Amino acid sequence: MDKEKKKKLLEEYKNRKPDKGIISIKNKTEGKEFLTIAKDKKADINSMKMKLKSNWHPNKELQELWNKYGEGDFQIDLIEQLKYDDLQEDYSNELEELLEIILLEKENAKRLEKKK
C-alpha cells in the first residue's frame, strides 16, 4: 500500500463517527437480556462475540447461556443510539445515564458488567 493511500485511510478512520448507545444481548430461548454501553457499536459487538466464542467472557451467566444455546439463539442490537457531534468529546456520562434509564424501563434486563 502506498503512503498516500495509507495516510488517507488513517485520516478517514480518525474522522469516522462510530455508533454510540446501548447494546442489548438477548437470549431468545430464555428471554434473558443484558444491556451494555457501546462507544463504538461495531468494535464492541465484535469484541463481545470474540470473548463469547472463546469461552472467555467475564459475565459468567451470559457465557453459560451462550455455551448452552449457541450464537444463533442470541439477538444483539443497538437498541438506543446516542446522537452526538463532537468526535473528541467523552460521552461516558451521557451513555451511563442512558443505560440507567433503559434498565428502569426494561425490568427484566440486567447490566452486562458491574457498575464501576
PDB file of N, CA and C in Angstrom:
ATOM      1  N   MET A   1       0.851  -1.171   0.000  1.00  0.00           N
ATOM      2  CA  MET A   1       0.000   0.000   0.000  1.00  0.00           C
ATOM      3  C   MET A   1       0.902   1.240   0.000  1.00  0.00           C
ATOM      4  N   ASP A   2       0.592   2.177  -0.895  1.00  0.00           N
ATOM      5  CA  ASP A   2       1.436   3.377  -0.945  1.00  0.00           C
ATOM      6  C   ASP A   2       1.127   4.322   0.219  1.00  0.00           C
ATOM      7  N   LYS A   3       2.051   5.233   0.458  1.00  0.00           N
ATOM      8  CA  LYS A   3       1.957   6.126   1.615  1.00  0.00           C
ATOM      9  C   LYS A   3       0.730   7.027   1.560  1.00  0.00           C
ATOM     10  N   GLU A   4       0.393   7.518   0.381  1.00  0.00           N
ATOM     11  CA  GLU A   4      -0.760   8.417   0.244  1.00  0.00           C
ATOM     12  C   GLU A   4      -2.066   7.694   0.577  1.00  0.00           C
ATOM     13  N   LYS A   5      -2.210   6.480   0.081  1.00  0.00           N
ATOM     14  CA  LYS A   5      -3.432   5.718   0.354  1.00  0.00           C
ATOM     15  C   LYS A   5      -3.523   5.385   1.843  1.00  0.00           C
ATOM     16  N   LYS A   6      -2.401   4.995   2.425  1.00  0.00           N
ATOM     17  CA  LYS A   6      -2.362   4.675   3.847  1.00  0.00           C
ATOM     18  C   LYS A   6      -2.731   5.907   4.682  1.00  0.00           C
ATOM     19  N   LYS A   7      -2.180   7.052   4.310  1.00  0.00           N
ATOM     20  CA  LYS A   7      -2.466   8.296   5.018  1.00  0.00           C
ATOM     21  C   LYS A   7      -3.954   8.654   4.905  1.00  0.00           C
ATOM     22  N   LYS A   8      -4.516   8.482   3.731  1.00  0.00           N
ATOM     23  CA  LYS A   8      -5.935   8.785   3.503  1.00  0.00           C
ATOM     24  C   LYS A   8      -6.830   7.859   4.342  1.00  0.00           C
ATOM     25  N   LEU A   9      -6.519   6.573   4.359  1.00  0.00           N
ATOM     26  CA  LEU A   9      -7.305   5.615   5.148  1.00  0.00           C
ATOM     27  C   LEU A   9      -7.224   5.918   6.642  1.00  0.00           C
ATOM     28  N   LEU A  10      -6.048   6.277   7.114  1.00  0.00           N
ATOM     29  CA  LEU A  10      -5.866   6.630   8.515  1.00  0.00           C
ATOM     30  C   LEU A  10      -6.679   7.874   8.876  1.00  0.00           C
ATOM     31  N   GLU A  11      -6.676   8.851   8.004  1.00  0.00           N
ATOM     32  CA  GLU A  11      -7.451  10.079   8.222  1.00  0.00           C
ATOM     33  C   GLU A  11      -8.952   9.782   8.239  1.00  0.00           C
ATOM     34  N   GLU A  12      -9.407   8.933   7.335  1.00  0.00           N
ATOM     35  CA  GLU A  12     -10.826   8.549   7.304  1.00  0.00           C
ATOM     36  C   GLU A  12     -11.210   7.833   8.599  1.00  0.00           C
ATOM     37  N   TYR A  13     -10.340   6.966   9.081  1.00  0.00           N
ATOM     38  CA  TYR A  13     -10.612   6.240  10.324  1.00  0.00           C
ATOM     39  C   TYR A  13     -10.715   7.212  11.500  1.00  0.00           C
ATOM     40  N   LYS A  14      -9.802   8.161  11.572  1.00  0.00           N
ATOM     41  CA  LYS A  14      -9.805   9.128  12.668  1.00  0.00           C
ATOM     42  C   LYS A  14     -11.062   9.996  12.650  1.00  0.00           C
ATOM     43  N   ASN A  15     -11.595  10.251  11.481  1.00  0.00           N
ATOM     44  CA  ASN A  15     -12.748  11.142  11.350  1.00  0.00           C
ATOM     45  C   ASN A  15     -14.086  10.416  11.236  1.00  0.00           C
ATOM     46  N   ARG A  16     -14.078   9.118  11.366  1.00  0.00           N
ATOM     47  CA  ARG A  16     -15.347   8.382  11.293  1.00  0.00           C
ATOM     48  C   ARG A  16     -16.161   8.663  12.550  1.00  0.00           C
ATOM     49  N   LYS A  17     -17.433   8.469  12.451  1.00  0.00           N
ATOM     50  CA  LYS A  17     -18.328   8.736  13.575  1.00  0.00           C
ATOM     51  C   LYS A  17     -19.000   7.414  13.960  1.00  0.00           C
ATOM     52  N   PRO A  18     -18.399   6.695  14.912  1.00  0.00           N
ATOM     53  CA  PRO A  18     -18.959   5.389  15.281  1.00  0.00           C
ATOM     54  C   PRO A  18     -20.304   5.526  15.988  1.00  0.00           C
ATOM     55  N   ASP A  19     -21.140   4.520  15.838  1.00  0.00           N
ATOM     56  CA  ASP A  19     -22.418   4.482  16.551  1.00  0.00           C
ATOM     57  C   ASP A  19     -22.159   4.276  18.028  1.00  0.00           C
ATOM     58  N   LYS A  20     -22.740   5.150  18.846  1.00  0.00           N
ATOM     59  CA  LYS A  20     -22.648   5.055  20.303  1.00  0.00           C
ATOM     60  C   LYS A  20     -24.064   4.864  20.831  1.00  0.00           C
ATOM     61  N   GLY A  21     -24.186   4.117  21.927  1.00  0.00           N
ATOM     62  CA  GLY A  21     -25.503   3.927  22.513  1.00  0.00           C
ATOM     63  C   GLY A  21     -25.530   2.734  23.448  1.00  0.00           C
ATOM     64  N   ILE A  22     -26.669   2.060  23.452  1.00  0.00           N
ATOM     65  CA  ILE A  22     -26.875   0.922  24.342  1.00  0.00           C
ATOM     66  C   ILE A  22     -27.096  -0.331  23.506  1.00  0.00           C
ATOM     67  N   ILE A  23     -26.313  -1.356  23.816  1.00  0.00           N
ATOM     68  CA  ILE A  23     -26.427  -2.644  23.133  1.00  0.00           C
ATOM     69  C   ILE A  23     -27.228  -3.597  24.014  1.00  0.00           C
ATOM     70  N   SER A  24     -28.134  -4.330  23.378  1.00  0.00           N
ATOM     71  CA  SER A  24     -28.896  -5.383  24.033  1.00  0.00           C
ATOM     72  C   SER A  24     -28.409  -6.729  23.509  1.00  0.00           C
ATOM     73  N   ILE A  25     -28.129  -7.644  24.427  1.00  0.00           N
ATOM     74  CA  ILE A  25     -27.772  -9.020  24.087  1.00  0.00           C
ATOM     75  C   ILE A  25     -28.884  -9.873  24.674  1.00  0.00           C
ATOM     76  N   LYS A  26     -29.728 -10.424  23.821  1.00  0.00           N
ATOM     77  CA  LYS A  26     -30.908 -11.145  24.313  1.00  0.00           C
ATOM     78  C   LYS A  26     -30.877 -12.599  23.875  1.00  0.00           C
ATOM     79  N   ASN A  27     -31.062 -13.487  24.855  1.00  0.00           N
ATOM     80  CA  ASN A  27     -31.175 -14.916  24.598  1.00  0.00           C
ATOM     81  C   ASN A  27     -32.632 -15.197  24.240  1.00  0.00           C
ATOM     82  N   LYS A  28     -32.870 -15.692  23.040  1.00  0.00           N
ATOM     83  CA  LYS A  28     -34.237 -15.898  22.551  1.00  0.00           C
ATOM     84  C   LYS A  28     -34.970 -16.992  23.328  1.00  0.00           C
ATOM     85  N   THR A  29     -34.300 -18.064  23.686  1.00  0.00           N
ATOM     86  CA  THR A  29     -34.956 -19.191  24.351  1.00  0.00           C
ATOM     87  C   THR A  29     -35.415 -18.845  25.759  1.00  0.00           C
ATOM     88  N   GLU A  30     -34.528 -18.293  26.563  1.00  0.00           N
ATOM     89  CA  GLU A  30     -34.875 -17.996  27.955  1.00  0.00           C
ATOM     90  C   GLU A  30     -35.338 -16.563  28.154  1.00  0.00           C
ATOM     91  N   GLY A  31     -35.176 -15.723  27.134  1.00  0.00           N
ATOM     92  CA  GLY A  31     -35.620 -14.340  27.220  1.00  0.00           C
ATOM     93  C   GLY A  31     -34.767 -13.462  28.113  1.00  0.00           C
ATOM     94  N   LYS A  32     -33.594 -13.936  28.480  1.00  0.00           N
ATOM     95  CA  LYS A  32     -32.721 -13.131  29.336  1.00  0.00           C
ATOM     96  C   LYS A  32     -32.033 -12.076  28.481  1.00  0.00           C
ATOM     97  N   GLU A  33     -31.985 -10.857  29.031  1.00  0.00           N
ATOM     98  CA  GLU A  33     -31.430  -9.734  28.280  1.00  0.00           C
ATOM     99  C   GLU A  33     -30.378  -9.013  29.117  1.00  0.00           C
ATOM    100  N   PHE A  34     -29.279  -8.698  28.469  1.00  0.00           N
ATOM    101  CA  PHE A  34     -28.177  -7.989  29.099  1.00  0.00           C
ATOM    102  C   PHE A  34     -27.960  -6.692  28.324  1.00  0.00           C
ATOM    103  N   LEU A  35     -27.722  -5.605  29.040  1.00  0.00           N
ATOM    104  CA  LEU A  35     -27.514  -4.307  28.411  1.00  0.00           C
ATOM    105  C   LEU A  35     -26.129  -3.782  28.740  1.00  0.00           C
ATOM    106  N   THR A  36     -25.537  -3.113  27.774  1.00  0.00           N
ATOM    107  CA  THR A  36     -24.212  -2.531  27.980  1.00  0.00           C
ATOM    108  C   THR A  36     -24.047  -1.281  27.130  1.00  0.00           C
ATOM    109  N   ILE A  37     -23.088  -0.483  27.491  1.00  0.00           N
ATOM    110  CA  ILE A  37     -22.769   0.741  26.767  1.00  0.00           C
ATOM    111  C   ILE A  37     -21.887   0.402  25.569  1.00  0.00           C
ATOM    112  N   ALA A  38     -22.169   1.056  24.454  1.00  0.00           N
ATOM    113  CA  ALA A  38     -21.339   0.921  23.258  1.00  0.00           C
ATOM    114  C   ALA A  38     -20.761   2.282  22.907  1.00  0.00           C
ATOM    115  N   LYS A  39     -19.452   2.372  22.929  1.00  0.00           N
ATOM    116  CA  LYS A  39     -18.796   3.602  22.475  1.00  0.00           C
ATOM    117  C   LYS A  39     -18.465   3.509  20.985  1.00  0.00           C
ATOM    118  N   ASP A  40     -18.443   2.288  20.489  1.00  0.00           N
ATOM    119  CA  ASP A  40     -18.244   2.014  19.067  1.00  0.00           C
ATOM    120  C   ASP A  40     -18.949   0.679  18.801  1.00  0.00           C
ATOM    121  N   LYS A  41     -20.185   0.768  18.349  1.00  0.00           N
ATOM    122  CA  LYS A  41     -21.044  -0.416  18.218  1.00  0.00           C
ATOM    123  C   LYS A  41     -20.345  -1.573  17.513  1.00  0.00           C
ATOM    124  N   LYS A  42     -19.807  -1.332  16.364  1.00  0.00           N
ATOM    125  CA  LYS A  42     -19.202  -2.407  15.574  1.00  0.00           C
ATOM    126  C   LYS A  42     -18.053  -3.076  16.330  1.00  0.00           C
ATOM    127  N   ALA A  43     -17.136  -2.278  16.863  1.00  0.00           N
ATOM    128  CA  ALA A  43     -15.982  -2.824  17.590  1.00  0.00           C
ATOM    129  C   ALA A  43     -16.419  -3.521  18.875  1.00  0.00           C
ATOM    130  N   ASP A  44     -17.378  -2.937  19.592  1.00  0.00           N
ATOM    131  CA  ASP A  44     -17.819  -3.527  20.858  1.00  0.00           C
ATOM    132  C   ASP A  44     -18.532  -4.860  20.650  1.00  0.00           C
ATOM    133  N   ILE A  45     -19.355  -4.951  19.610  1.00  0.00           N
ATOM    134  CA  ILE A  45     -20.043  -6.219  19.326  1.00  0.00           C
ATOM    135  C   ILE A  45     -19.033  -7.274  18.889  1.00  0.00           C
ATOM    136  N   ASN A  46     -18.081  -6.892  18.048  1.00  0.00           N
ATOM    137  CA  ASN A  46     -17.050  -7.847  17.613  1.00  0.00           C
ATOM    138  C   ASN A  46     -16.248  -8.366  18.799  1.00  0.00           C
ATOM    139  N   SER A  47     -15.878  -7.475  19.706  1.00  0.00           N
ATOM    140  CA  SER A  47     -15.118  -7.866  20.894  1.00  0.00           C
ATOM    141  C   SER A  47     -15.929  -8.814  21.771  1.00  0.00           C
ATOM    142  N   MET A  48     -17.196  -8.488  21.965  1.00  0.00           N
ATOM    143  CA  MET A  48     -18.062  -9.323  22.802  1.00  0.00           C
ATOM    144  C   MET A  48     -18.211 -10.727  22.209  1.00  0.00           C
ATOM    145  N   LYS A  49     -18.446 -10.794  20.917  1.00  0.00           N
ATOM    146  CA  LYS A  49     -18.598 -12.098  20.263  1.00  0.00           C
ATOM    147  C   LYS A  49     -17.311 -12.916  20.332  1.00  0.00           C
ATOM    148  N   MET A  50     -16.176 -12.251  20.165  1.00  0.00           N
ATOM    149  CA  MET A  50     -14.892 -12.952  20.239  1.00  0.00           C
ATOM    150  C   MET A  50     -14.708 -13.576  21.623  1.00  0.00           C
ATOM    151  N   LYS A  51     -15.018 -12.802  22.658  1.00  0.00           N
ATOM    152  CA  LYS A  51     -14.887 -13.316  24.025  1.00  0.00           C
ATOM    153  C   LYS A  51     -15.837 -14.480  24.261  1.00  0.00           C
ATOM    154  N   LEU A  52     -17.066 -14.357  23.786  1.00  0.00           N
ATOM    155  CA  LEU A  52     -18.041 -15.427  23.986  1.00  0.00           C
ATOM    156  C   LEU A  52     -17.641 -16.695  23.223  1.00  0.00           C
ATOM    157  N   LYS A  53     -17.199 -16.532  21.987  1.00  0.00           N
ATOM    158  CA  LYS A  53     -16.788 -17.690  21.186  1.00  0.00           C
ATOM    159  C   LYS A  53     -15.547 -18.361  21.761  1.00  0.00           C
ATOM    160  N   SER A  54     -14.730 -17.579  22.465  1.00  0.00           N
ATOM    161  CA  SER A  54     -13.514 -18.114  23.079  1.00  0.00           C
ATOM    162  C   SER A  54     -13.753 -18.630  24.493  1.00  0.00           C
ATOM    163  N   ASN A  55     -15.004 -18.577  24.933  1.00  0.00           N
ATOM    164  CA  ASN A  55     -15.378 -19.004  26.294  1.00  0.00           C
ATOM    165  C   ASN A  55     -14.593 -18.203  27.338  1.00  0.00           C
ATOM    166  N   TRP A  56     -14.527 -16.880  27.099  1.00  0.00           N
ATOM    167  CA  TRP A  56     -13.684 -16.023  27.911  1.00  0.00           C
ATOM    168  C   TRP A  56     -14.405 -14.756  28.355  1.00  0.00           C
ATOM    169  N   HIS A  57     -15.722 -14.743  28.246  1.00  0.00           N
ATOM    170  CA  HIS A  57     -16.468 -13.531  28.605  1.00  0.00           C
ATOM    171  C   HIS A  57     -16.547 -13.398  30.125  1.00  0.00           C
ATOM    172  N   PRO A  58     -16.343 -12.184  30.669  1.00  0.00           N
ATOM    173  CA  PRO A  58     -16.360 -12.004  32.126  1.00  0.00           C
ATOM    174  C   PRO A  58     -17.734 -12.191  32.778  1.00  0.00           C
ATOM    175  N   ASN A  59     -18.818 -12.060  32.016  1.00  0.00           N
ATOM    176  CA  ASN A  59     -20.145 -12.282  32.587  1.00  0.00           C
ATOM    177  C   ASN A  59     -20.461 -13.777  32.477  1.00  0.00           C
ATOM    178  N   LYS A  60     -20.350 -14.457  33.590  1.00  0.00           N
ATOM    179  CA  LYS A  60     -20.491 -15.926  33.596  1.00  0.00           C
ATOM    180  C   LYS A  60     -21.889 -16.388  33.192  1.00  0.00           C
ATOM    181  N   GLU A  61     -22.918 -15.645  33.605  1.00  0.00           N
ATOM    182  CA  GLU A  61     -24.285 -16.031  33.244  1.00  0.00           C
ATOM    183  C   GLU A  61     -24.483 -15.968  31.727  1.00  0.00           C
ATOM    184  N   LEU A  62     -24.018 -14.887  31.118  1.00  0.00           N
ATOM    185  CA  LEU A  62     -24.117 -14.764  29.665  1.00  0.00           C
ATOM    186  C   LEU A  62     -23.303 -15.847  28.979  1.00  0.00           C
ATOM    187  N   GLN A  63     -22.108 -16.115  29.475  1.00  0.00           N
ATOM    188  CA  GLN A  63     -21.252 -17.133  28.865  1.00  0.00           C
ATOM    189  C   GLN A  63     -21.899 -18.509  28.933  1.00  0.00           C
ATOM    190  N   GLU A  64     -22.529 -18.830  30.066  1.00  0.00           N
ATOM    191  CA  GLU A  64     -23.214 -20.126  30.194  1.00  0.00           C
ATOM    192  C   GLU A  64     -24.369 -20.243  29.210  1.00  0.00           C
ATOM    193  N   LEU A  65     -25.138 -19.180  29.045  1.00  0.00           N
ATOM    194  CA  LEU A  65     -26.236 -19.188  28.076  1.00  0.00           C
ATOM    195  C   LEU A  65     -25.710 -19.357  26.662  1.00  0.00           C
ATOM    196  N   TRP A  66     -24.633 -18.659  26.345  1.00  0.00           N
ATOM    197  CA  TRP A  66     -24.014 -18.750  25.020  1.00  0.00           C
ATOM    198  C   TRP A  66     -23.535 -20.176  24.758  1.00  0.00           C
ATOM    199  N   ASN A  67     -22.880 -20.769  25.742  1.00  0.00           N
ATOM    200  CA  ASN A  67     -22.377 -22.138  25.595  1.00  0.00           C
ATOM    201  C   ASN A  67     -23.526 -23.131  25.434  1.00  0.00           C
ATOM    202  N   LYS A  68     -24.613 -22.913  26.139  1.00  0.00           N
ATOM    203  CA  LYS A  68     -25.759 -23.824  26.113  1.00  0.00           C
ATOM    204  C   LYS A  68     -26.544 -23.726  24.801  1.00  0.00           C
ATOM    205  N   TYR A  69     -26.794 -22.494  24.328  1.00  0.00           N
ATOM    206  CA  TYR A  69     -27.694 -22.309  23.190  1.00  0.00           C
ATOM    207  C   TYR A  69     -26.993 -21.932  21.885  1.00  0.00           C
ATOM    208  N   GLY A  70     -25.797 -21.416  21.942  1.00  0.00           N
ATOM    209  CA  GLY A  70     -25.069 -21.047  20.736  1.00  0.00           C
ATOM    210  C   GLY A  70     -25.423 -19.664  20.216  1.00  0.00           C
ATOM    211  N   GLU A  71     -24.581 -19.176  19.346  1.00  0.00           N
ATOM    212  CA  GLU A  71     -24.703 -17.823  18.809  1.00  0.00           C
ATOM    213  C   GLU A  71     -26.050 -17.567  18.137  1.00  0.00           C
ATOM    214  N   GLY A  72     -26.579 -18.568  17.463  1.00  0.00           N
ATOM    215  CA  GLY A  72     -27.842 -18.415  16.737  1.00  0.00           C
ATOM    216  C   GLY A  72     -29.045 -18.119  17.613  1.00  0.00           C
ATOM    217  N   ASP A  73     -28.921 -18.342  18.912  1.00  0.00           N
ATOM    218  CA  ASP A  73     -30.030 -18.117  19.828  1.00  0.00           C
ATOM    219  C   ASP A  73     -29.957 -16.739  20.491  1.00  0.00           C
ATOM    220  N   PHE A  74     -29.098 -15.879  19.964  1.00  0.00           N
ATOM    221  CA  PHE A  74     -28.934 -14.551  20.542  1.00  0.00           C
ATOM    222  C   PHE A  74     -29.234 -13.472  19.517  1.00  0.00           C
ATOM    223  N   GLN A  75     -29.860 -12.428  20.015  1.00  0.00           N
ATOM    224  CA  GLN A  75     -30.114 -11.241  19.209  1.00  0.00           C
ATOM    225  C   GLN A  75     -29.304 -10.111  19.841  1.00  0.00           C
ATOM    226  N   ILE A  76     -28.423  -9.518  19.052  1.00  0.00           N
ATOM    227  CA  ILE A  76     -27.562  -8.447  19.546  1.00  0.00           C
ATOM    228  C   ILE A  76     -27.835  -7.208  18.706  1.00  0.00           C
ATOM    229  N   ASP A  77     -28.326  -6.158  19.372  1.00  0.00           N
ATOM    230  CA  ASP A  77     -28.719  -4.940  18.665  1.00  0.00           C
ATOM    231  C   ASP A  77     -28.329  -3.701  19.441  1.00  0.00           C
ATOM    232  N   LEU A  78     -28.132  -2.612  18.706  1.00  0.00           N
ATOM    233  CA  LEU A  78     -28.032  -1.296  19.322  1.00  0.00           C
ATOM    234  C   LEU A  78     -29.477  -0.823  19.476  1.00  0.00           C
ATOM    235  N   ILE A  79     -29.979  -0.814  20.723  1.00  0.00           N
ATOM    236  CA  ILE A  79     -31.398  -0.510  20.932  1.00  0.00           C
ATOM    237  C   ILE A  79     -31.664   0.979  21.166  1.00  0.00           C
ATOM    238  N   GLU A  80     -30.630   1.710  21.483  1.00  0.00           N
ATOM    239  CA  GLU A  80     -30.765   3.158  21.669  1.00  0.00           C
ATOM    240  C   GLU A  80     -29.466   3.797  21.211  1.00  0.00           C
ATOM    241  N   GLN A  81     -29.590   4.766  20.308  1.00  0.00           N
ATOM    242  CA  GLN A  81     -28.404   5.420  19.770  1.00  0.00           C
ATOM    243  C   GLN A  81     -28.281   6.821  20.350  1.00  0.00           C
ATOM    244  N   LEU A  82     -27.066   7.166  20.749  1.00  0.00           N
ATOM    245  CA  LEU A  82     -26.776   8.495  21.261  1.00  0.00           C
ATOM    246  C   LEU A  82     -26.439   9.400  20.075  1.00  0.00           C
ATOM    247  N   LYS A  83     -27.125  10.521  20.008  1.00  0.00           N
ATOM    248  CA  LYS A  83     -26.812  11.495  18.968  1.00  0.00           C
ATOM    249  C   LYS A  83     -25.723  12.425  19.503  1.00  0.00           C
ATOM    250  N   TYR A  84     -24.680  12.614  18.717  1.00  0.00           N
ATOM    251  CA  TYR A  84     -23.569  13.459  19.148  1.00  0.00           C
ATOM    252  C   TYR A  84     -22.890  14.076  17.937  1.00  0.00           C
ATOM    253  N   ASP A  85     -22.155  15.148  18.181  1.00  0.00           N
ATOM    254  CA  ASP A  85     -21.468  15.846  17.091  1.00  0.00           C
ATOM    255  C   ASP A  85     -19.953  15.843  17.238  1.00  0.00           C
ATOM    256  N   ASP A  86     -19.462  16.096  18.442  1.00  0.00           N
ATOM    257  CA  ASP A  86     -18.037  16.259  18.683  1.00  0.00           C
ATOM    258  C   ASP A  86     -17.347  14.897  18.774  1.00  0.00           C
ATOM    259  N   LEU A  87     -16.470  14.618  17.827  1.00  0.00           N
ATOM    260  CA  LEU A  87     -15.779  13.326  17.804  1.00  0.00           C
ATOM    261  C   LEU A  87     -14.774  13.182  18.937  1.00  0.00           C
ATOM    262  N   GLN A  88     -14.300  14.301  19.483  1.00  0.00           N
ATOM    263  CA  GLN A  88     -13.295  14.260  20.541  1.00  0.00           C
ATOM    264  C   GLN A  88     -13.901  14.199  21.941  1.00  0.00           C
ATOM    265  N   GLU A  89     -15.167  14.516  22.065  1.00  0.00           N
ATOM    266  CA  GLU A  89     -15.840  14.577  23.372  1.00  0.00           C
ATOM    267  C   GLU A  89     -16.015  13.178  23.966  1.00  0.00           C
ATOM    268  N   ASP A  90     -15.878  13.089  25.286  1.00  0.00           N
ATOM    269  CA  ASP A  90     -16.125  11.833  26.006  1.00  0.00           C
ATOM    270  C   ASP A  90     -17.593  11.832  26.450  1.00  0.00           C
ATOM    271  N   TYR A  91     -18.359  10.903  25.943  1.00  0.00           N
ATOM    272  CA  TYR A  91     -19.785  10.840  26.236  1.00  0.00           C
ATOM    273  C   TYR A  91     -20.115   9.761  27.262  1.00  0.00           C
ATOM    274  N   SER A  92     -19.144   9.378  28.074  1.00  0.00           N
ATOM    275  CA  SER A  92     -19.348   8.305  29.051  1.00  0.00           C
ATOM    276  C   SER A  92     -20.503   8.592  30.008  1.00  0.00           C
ATOM    277  N   ASN A  93     -20.581   9.796  30.515  1.00  0.00           N
ATOM    278  CA  ASN A  93     -21.656  10.132  31.460  1.00  0.00           C
ATOM    279  C   ASN A  93     -23.034  10.051  30.802  1.00  0.00           C
ATOM    280  N   GLU A  94     -23.141  10.564  29.595  1.00  0.00           N
ATOM    281  CA  GLU A  94     -24.413  10.516  28.876  1.00  0.00           C
ATOM    282  C   GLU A  94     -24.822   9.067  28.590  1.00  0.00           C
ATOM    283  N   LEU A  95     -23.856   8.252  28.216  1.00  0.00           N
ATOM    284  CA  LEU A  95     -24.147   6.838  27.943  1.00  0.00           C
ATOM    285  C   LEU A  95     -24.560   6.107  29.215  1.00  0.00           C
ATOM    286  N   GLU A  96     -23.914   6.406  30.316  1.00  0.00           N
ATOM    287  CA  GLU A  96     -24.266   5.777  31.593  1.00  0.00           C
ATOM    288  C   GLU A  96     -25.695   6.165  32.005  1.00  0.00           C
ATOM    289  N   GLU A  97     -26.048   7.428  31.836  1.00  0.00           N
ATOM    290  CA  GLU A  97     -27.405   7.877  32.160  1.00  0.00           C
ATOM    291  C   GLU A  97     -28.424   7.185  31.269  1.00  0.00           C
ATOM    292  N   LEU A  98     -28.107   7.060  29.998  1.00  0.00           N
ATOM    293  CA  LEU A  98     -29.000   6.386  29.059  1.00  0.00           C
ATOM    294  C   LEU A  98     -29.193   4.922  29.447  1.00  0.00           C
ATOM    295  N   LEU A  99     -28.125   4.264  29.841  1.00  0.00           N
ATOM    296  CA  LEU A  99     -28.217   2.869  30.282  1.00  0.00           C
ATOM    297  C   LEU A  99     -29.105   2.752  31.510  1.00  0.00           C
ATOM    298  N   GLU A 100     -28.944   3.639  32.469  1.00  0.00           N
ATOM    299  CA  GLU A 100     -29.761   3.607  33.688  1.00  0.00           C
ATOM    300  C   GLU A 100     -31.244   3.784  33.365  1.00  0.00           C
ATOM    301  N   ILE A 101     -31.556   4.675  32.455  1.00  0.00           N
ATOM    302  CA  ILE A 101     -32.953   4.897  32.055  1.00  0.00           C
ATOM    303  C   ILE A 101     -33.540   3.635  31.439  1.00  0.00           C
ATOM    304  N   ILE A 102     -32.801   3.020  30.548  1.00  0.00           N
ATOM    305  CA  ILE A 102     -33.303   1.821  29.875  1.00  0.00           C
ATOM    306  C   ILE A 102     -33.423   0.657  30.850  1.00  0.00           C
ATOM    307  N   LEU A 103     -32.495   0.544  31.787  1.00  0.00           N
ATOM    308  CA  LEU A 103     -32.602  -0.509  32.806  1.00  0.00           C
ATOM    309  C   LEU A 103     -33.866  -0.340  33.639  1.00  0.00           C
ATOM    310  N   LEU A 104     -34.269   0.884  33.906  1.00  0.00           N
ATOM    311  CA  LEU A 104     -35.509   1.132  34.642  1.00  0.00           C
ATOM    312  C   LEU A 104     -36.730   0.764  33.801  1.00  0.00           C
ATOM    313  N   GLU A 105     -36.667   1.031  32.507  1.00  0.00           N
ATOM    314  CA  GLU A 105     -37.777   0.726  31.605  1.00  0.00           C
ATOM    315  C   GLU A 105     -37.924  -0.776  31.373  1.00  0.00           C
ATOM    316  N   LYS A 106     -36.812  -1.475  31.271  1.00  0.00           N
ATOM    317  CA  LYS A 106     -36.818  -2.919  30.994  1.00  0.00           C
ATOM    318  C   LYS A 106     -36.535  -3.651  32.302  1.00  0.00           C
ATOM    319  N   GLU A 107     -37.560  -3.951  33.039  1.00  0.00           N
ATOM    320  CA  GLU A 107     -37.416  -4.522  34.374  1.00  0.00           C
ATOM    321  C   GLU A 107     -36.670  -5.856  34.394  1.00  0.00           C
ATOM    322  N   ASN A 108     -36.763  -6.625  33.334  1.00  0.00           N
ATOM    323  CA  ASN A 108     -36.120  -7.940  33.313  1.00  0.00           C
ATOM    324  C   ASN A 108     -34.695  -7.912  32.771  1.00  0.00           C
ATOM    325  N   ALA A 109     -34.271  -6.772  32.275  1.00  0.00           N
ATOM    326  CA  ALA A 109     -32.915  -6.672  31.719  1.00  0.00           C
ATOM    327  C   ALA A 109     -31.905  -6.455  32.836  1.00  0.00           C
ATOM    328  N   LYS A 110     -30.687  -6.922  32.574  1.00  0.00           N
ATOM    329  CA  LYS A 110     -29.590  -6.785  33.538  1.00  0.00           C
ATOM    330  C   LYS A 110     -28.452  -6.025  32.889  1.00  0.00           C
ATOM    331  N   ARG A 111     -27.672  -5.375  33.714  1.00  0.00           N
ATOM    332  CA  ARG A 111     -26.443  -4.725  33.264  1.00  0.00           C
ATOM    333  C   ARG A 111     -25.441  -5.835  32.944  1.00  0.00           C
ATOM    334  N   LEU A 112     -24.779  -5.747  31.808  1.00  0.00           N
ATOM    335  CA  LEU A 112     -23.813  -6.772  31.401  1.00  0.00           C
ATOM    336  C   LEU A 112     -22.607  -6.812  32.332  1.00  0.00           C
ATOM    337  N   GLU A 113     -22.079  -5.650  32.648  1.00  0.00           N
ATOM    338  CA  GLU A 113     -20.907  -5.606  33.501  1.00  0.00           C
ATOM    339  C   GLU A 113     -21.247  -4.911  34.800  1.00  0.00           C
ATOM    340  N   LYS A 114     -20.413  -5.130  35.793  1.00  0.00           N
ATOM    341  CA  LYS A 114     -20.639  -4.489  37.082  1.00  0.00           C
ATOM    342  C   LYS A 114     -20.395  -3.003  36.957  1.00  0.00           C
ATOM    343  N   LYS A 115     -21.169  -2.236  37.686  1.00  0.00           N
ATOM    344  CA  LYS A 115     -21.013  -0.788  37.686  1.00  0.00           C
ATOM    345  C   LYS A 115     -19.711  -0.424  38.376  1.00  0.00           C
ATOM    346  N   LYS A 116     -18.960   0.479  37.758  1.00  0.00           N
ATOM    347  CA  LYS A 116     -17.658   0.878  38.302  1.00  0.00           C
ATOM    348  C   LYS A 116     -17.828   1.919  39.378  1.00  0.00           C
TER     349      LYS A 116
END
